[in-house]
Amino acid sequence: MPDKPKVIIYLSQQRSSYQTDYYRSLKIFDSEQSEENVRPNFGRLSRFDNNTLNAASFWSEVCSEDSHMFILPLVGTIRIEPQQQELEVGQCLYYPVKLGLNLVINNPYEKDAVNYLQFHISEKLQSLNFGPKLLPFNIDEHINDLVPLYKSPPIYICLGKFEGRMKGVYVIQQADKALFAYLIQGVMELEDRLLHEGDALSLHGFGKVEFEALSTEAIVLLLEISMEG
């Protein structure tokens, strides 16, 4: 744990962008930028992207490291290969991936684009005796509360939808861990830092984190991770 709490804010307009005719990825972390604009990993959170894939298109990539990968649709349904796993809003896919895995994401719609979050928490995976796991959730049934999404130490993930002026607290589960917050929708104040849609915040050295929704239906995603690289 650091000597004093550390906070970094990642504004949505400062994300780097990779774009083709049919695919766009907005990246919070990007080590390939120029030296003055480089945004390194936050602990083991090595990647956090907001991706948009146009209608009747697919995106293929080769995984660059062993990691715990999570894919969370925000708009529409996507199909993940090689497992042929369909994934829709209200579901998250947890997928332990090895270096070199070829990942393909399809948009099955003929006219509409899809939008999803993709984030990776790096860890050397000795074996893959378990495959992808579907994580269903329903934040509309638990308004103004955090809904657990994934819990396997040292990784804890939750998200929640909050009405305007509603407050909440997240208690760090393990003393040496850190928290990454991403605002999916709305406006929220988190540890006195103002976040708008697409903004993110990393916090290290906090025992708990307080937040308040400043708009209706503000949606926040929280990741508690290890800082050890």
Protein backbone atom coordinates (compact mmCIF):
# COMPACT_ATOMS: atom_id res chain seq x y z
CA MET A 1 0.00 0.00 0.00
CA PRO A 2 1.39 3.48 -0.83
CA ASP A 3 2.39 5.91 1.93
CA LYS A 4 -0.52 8.15 0.94
CA PRO A 5 -3.60 7.44 -1.18
CA LYS A 6 -3.08 7.88 -4.92
CA VAL A 7 -5.75 8.88 -7.43
CA ILE A 8 -5.54 9.08 -11.22
CA ILE A 9 -8.39 10.32 -13.41
CA TYR A 10 -8.74 9.19 -17.01
CA LEU A 11 -10.94 11.56 -19.01
CA SER A 12 -12.92 10.11 -21.90
CA GLN A 13 -11.60 12.66 -24.38
CA GLN A 14 -8.03 11.64 -23.58
CA ARG A 15 -8.50 8.01 -24.62
CA SER A 16 -6.52 6.87 -27.64
CA SER A 17 -8.45 5.50 -30.60
CA TYR A 18 -7.84 2.68 -33.04
CA GLN A 19 -10.28 2.74 -35.95
CA THR A 20 -11.05 0.97 -39.21
CA ASP A 21 -14.02 1.29 -41.58
CA TYR A 22 -16.07 -1.08 -39.40
CA TYR A 23 -14.44 -1.11 -35.93
CA ARG A 24 -13.45 1.47 -33.33
CA SER A 25 -11.65 0.91 -30.03
CA LEU A 26 -11.32 3.66 -27.42
CA LYS A 27 -8.44 2.73 -25.11
CA ILE A 28 -7.80 4.04 -21.60
CA PHE A 29 -4.35 2.45 -21.36
CA ASP A 30 -1.93 2.79 -24.25
CA SER A 31 1.81 2.25 -23.90
CA GLU A 32 2.38 2.91 -27.61
CA GLN A 33 1.63 6.63 -27.43
CA SER A 34 4.34 9.28 -27.52
CA GLU A 35 6.28 9.70 -24.28
CA GLU A 36 4.27 12.70 -23.11
CA ASN A 37 0.94 10.94 -23.78
CA VAL A 38 1.71 7.40 -22.66
CA ARG A 39 -0.83 5.86 -20.25
CA PRO A 40 0.62 2.78 -18.56
CA ASN A 41 -1.28 -0.11 -17.00
CA PHE A 42 -2.94 0.26 -13.62
CA GLY A 43 -1.41 -2.63 -11.71
CA ARG A 44 -2.52 -5.85 -13.40
CA LEU A 45 -5.29 -4.09 -15.31
CA SER A 46 -3.45 -4.07 -18.61
CA ARG A 47 -6.28 -3.16 -20.95
CA PHE A 48 -9.64 -1.41 -20.74
CA ASP A 49 -11.33 -0.65 -24.06
CA ASN A 50 -14.74 0.57 -25.22
CA ASN A 51 -15.33 -1.05 -28.62
CA THR A 52 -17.89 -0.45 -31.35
CA LEU A 53 -18.39 -2.94 -34.20
CA ASN A 54 -20.53 -2.08 -37.21
CA ALA A 55 -23.37 -4.22 -38.55
CA ALA A 56 -22.58 -7.60 -40.16
CA SER A 57 -18.88 -7.27 -39.28
CA PHE A 58 -16.36 -9.19 -37.22
CA TRP A 59 -13.18 -8.28 -35.37
CA SER A 60 -10.26 -10.67 -35.00
CA GLU A 61 -7.24 -10.28 -32.72
CA VAL A 62 -4.47 -12.39 -31.22
CA CYS A 63 -4.17 -12.17 -27.43
CA SER A 64 -0.86 -10.55 -26.48
CA GLU A 65 -0.58 -12.06 -22.98
CA ASP A 66 -2.02 -14.53 -20.50
CA SER A 67 -4.90 -12.75 -18.79
CA HIS A 68 -8.36 -12.84 -17.26
CA MET A 69 -10.48 -11.29 -20.02
CA PHE A 70 -13.95 -9.85 -19.49
CA ILE A 71 -16.35 -8.76 -22.23
CA LEU A 72 -19.42 -6.74 -21.25
CA PRO A 73 -21.98 -5.74 -23.94
CA LEU A 74 -23.44 -2.25 -23.58
CA VAL A 75 -25.57 -2.21 -26.74
CA GLY A 76 -26.73 -5.27 -28.66
CA THR A 77 -25.68 -8.92 -28.82
CA ILE A 78 -22.27 -10.22 -29.93
CA ARG A 79 -20.96 -13.67 -30.77
CA ILE A 80 -17.58 -14.81 -29.44
CA GLU A 81 -15.42 -17.38 -31.25
CA PRO A 82 -13.95 -19.96 -31.11
CA GLN A 83 -16.63 -20.97 -28.52
CA GLN A 84 -19.61 -19.65 -30.56
CA GLN A 85 -20.79 -17.99 -27.35
CA GLU A 86 -23.59 -15.41 -27.74
CA LEU A 87 -23.44 -12.53 -25.31
CA GLU A 88 -26.13 -9.89 -24.73
CA VAL A 89 -26.79 -6.90 -22.50
CA GLY A 90 -27.20 -8.16 -18.93
CA GLN A 91 -24.44 -10.71 -19.35
CA CYS A 92 -20.66 -10.59 -18.97
CA LEU A 93 -18.24 -13.18 -20.33
CA TYR A 94 -15.27 -14.20 -18.20
CA TYR A 95 -12.62 -15.85 -20.36
CA PRO A 96 -9.14 -16.94 -19.16
CA VAL A 97 -7.01 -16.50 -22.29
CA LYS A 98 -3.50 -17.60 -23.15
CA LEU A 99 -0.91 -15.71 -25.15
CA GLY A 100 -1.51 -16.34 -28.86
CA LEU A 101 -5.22 -17.21 -28.64
CA ASN A 102 -7.09 -16.04 -31.74
CA LEU A 103 -10.22 -14.20 -30.57
CA VAL A 104 -13.04 -13.37 -33.00
CA ILE A 105 -16.02 -11.16 -32.13
CA ASN A 106 -19.00 -11.07 -34.52
CA ASN A 107 -21.85 -8.60 -34.87
CA PRO A 108 -24.87 -10.68 -36.01
CA TYR A 109 -27.07 -7.67 -36.80
CA GLU A 110 -27.61 -6.67 -40.44
CA LYS A 111 -28.23 -2.96 -39.77
CA ASP A 112 -27.17 -2.04 -36.21
CA ALA A 113 -23.79 -1.52 -34.56
CA VAL A 114 -22.90 -3.11 -31.23
CA ASN A 115 -20.92 -1.63 -28.35
CA TYR A 116 -19.06 -3.50 -25.61
CA LEU A 117 -16.37 -3.17 -22.97
CA GLN A 118 -13.33 -5.43 -23.11
CA PHE A 119 -10.83 -5.49 -20.26
CA HIS A 120 -7.90 -7.72 -19.32
CA ILE A 121 -6.29 -8.42 -15.94
CA SER A 122 -2.90 -9.94 -16.57
CA GLU A 123 -1.79 -13.12 -14.83
CA LYS A 124 0.45 -15.99 -15.88
CA LEU A 125 -1.95 -18.90 -16.35
CA GLN A 126 -0.23 -22.23 -15.79
CA SER A 127 -3.06 -24.27 -17.22
CA LEU A 128 -6.49 -23.81 -18.72
CA ASN A 129 -8.53 -26.57 -17.12
CA PHE A 130 -11.52 -24.24 -17.11
CA GLY A 131 -13.08 -22.36 -20.00
CA PRO A 132 -15.25 -19.27 -20.54
CA LYS A 133 -17.96 -18.59 -17.99
CA LEU A 134 -21.13 -16.59 -18.51
CA LEU A 135 -21.88 -14.08 -15.73
CA PRO A 136 -25.52 -12.91 -15.83
CA PHE A 137 -26.66 -9.87 -13.84
CA ASN A 138 -29.64 -7.52 -13.50
CA ILE A 139 -28.87 -4.07 -12.12
CA ASP A 140 -32.46 -2.90 -12.73
CA GLU A 141 -33.65 -5.26 -9.98
CA HIS A 142 -31.14 -3.74 -7.55
CA ILE A 143 -31.34 0.01 -8.14
CA ASN A 144 -29.08 2.05 -5.84
CA ASP A 145 -26.96 -0.95 -4.92
CA LEU A 146 -23.76 -2.56 -6.18
CA VAL A 147 -24.30 -5.95 -7.82
CA PRO A 148 -21.43 -8.47 -7.58
CA LEU A 149 -20.34 -9.68 -11.01
CA TYR A 150 -17.16 -11.69 -10.36
CA LYS A 151 -15.41 -12.67 -7.14
CA SER A 152 -12.24 -14.72 -7.17
CA PRO A 153 -9.41 -13.24 -5.06
CA PRO A 154 -7.56 -11.11 -5.86
CA ILE A 155 -10.20 -9.92 -8.39
CA TYR A 156 -13.54 -8.45 -7.33
CA ILE A 157 -15.90 -6.87 -9.87
CA CYS A 158 -19.27 -5.22 -9.33
CA LEU A 159 -21.51 -2.67 -11.00
CA GLY A 160 -24.60 -0.71 -10.14
CA LYS A 161 -27.24 1.73 -11.33
CA PHE A 162 -28.00 4.71 -9.09
CA GLU A 163 -30.69 7.38 -9.10
CA GLY A 164 -29.80 11.06 -8.79
CA ARG A 165 -28.34 12.14 -5.41
CA MET A 166 -28.11 8.55 -4.18
CA LYS A 167 -24.87 7.70 -2.40
CA GLY A 168 -22.88 4.51 -2.01
CA VAL A 169 -19.73 3.08 -0.48
CA TYR A 170 -17.40 0.38 -1.73
CA VAL A 171 -15.21 -1.24 0.94
CA ILE A 172 -11.88 -2.56 -0.33
CA GLN A 173 -11.88 -6.32 0.26
CA GLN A 174 -8.11 -6.75 0.68
CA ALA A 175 -5.78 -4.21 2.24
CA ASP A 176 -3.10 -4.34 -0.46
CA LYS A 177 -5.48 -4.01 -3.42
CA ALA A 178 -6.60 -1.06 -5.50
CA LEU A 179 -9.81 0.04 -7.22
CA PHE A 180 -10.54 1.07 -10.79
CA ALA A 181 -13.89 2.77 -11.51
CA TYR A 182 -15.42 3.32 -14.96
CA LEU A 183 -18.57 5.36 -15.51
CA ILE A 184 -20.68 3.58 -18.11
CA GLN A 185 -23.54 6.10 -18.05
CA GLY A 186 -24.50 9.42 -16.46
CA VAL A 187 -22.62 11.68 -14.06
CA MET A 188 -21.14 10.69 -10.71
CA GLU A 189 -18.86 12.05 -8.02
CA LEU A 190 -16.40 9.49 -6.69
CA GLU A 191 -14.08 10.48 -3.84
CA ASP A 192 -14.83 14.14 -4.69
CA ARG A 193 -13.78 13.65 -8.34
CA LEU A 194 -16.40 14.44 -10.97
CA LEU A 195 -16.87 11.73 -13.60
CA HIS A 196 -18.90 11.90 -16.79
CA GLU A 197 -19.81 9.03 -19.10
CA GLY A 198 -16.65 7.31 -20.34
CA ASP A 199 -14.41 8.75 -17.60
CA ALA A 200 -12.49 6.48 -15.25
CA LEU A 201 -10.66 6.74 -11.94
CA SER A 202 -7.98 4.60 -10.30
CA LEU A 203 -7.50 4.63 -6.53
CA HIS A 204 -4.73 3.01 -4.50
CA GLY A 205 -4.35 3.17 -0.74
CA PHE A 206 -8.02 3.60 0.19
CA GLY A 207 -9.87 1.46 2.72
CA LYS A 208 -13.22 2.46 1.24
CA VAL A 209 -14.44 4.58 -1.64
CA GLU A 210 -17.51 6.84 -1.44
CA PHE A 211 -19.56 7.98 -4.43
CA GLU A 212 -22.74 9.89 -5.29
CA ALA A 213 -24.82 9.83 -8.47
CA LEU A 214 -25.42 13.31 -9.89
CA SER A 215 -27.76 12.21 -12.69
CA THR A 216 -30.59 9.74 -13.08
CA GLU A 217 -29.60 6.17 -13.89
CA ALA A 218 -25.85 6.63 -13.43
CA ILE A 219 -24.10 3.28 -14.02
CA VAL A 220 -20.66 2.56 -12.58
CA LEU A 221 -18.35 -0.45 -12.95
CA LEU A 222 -15.85 -1.16 -10.15
CA LEU A 223 -12.81 -3.45 -10.41
CA GLU A 224 -10.72 -4.33 -7.37
CA ILE A 225 -7.37 -5.73 -8.51
CA SER A 226 -3.81 -6.41 -7.45
CA MET A 227 -1.18 -3.74 -8.07
CA GLU A 228 1.57 -6.33 -8.41
CA GLY A 229 2.58 -6.56 -12.03
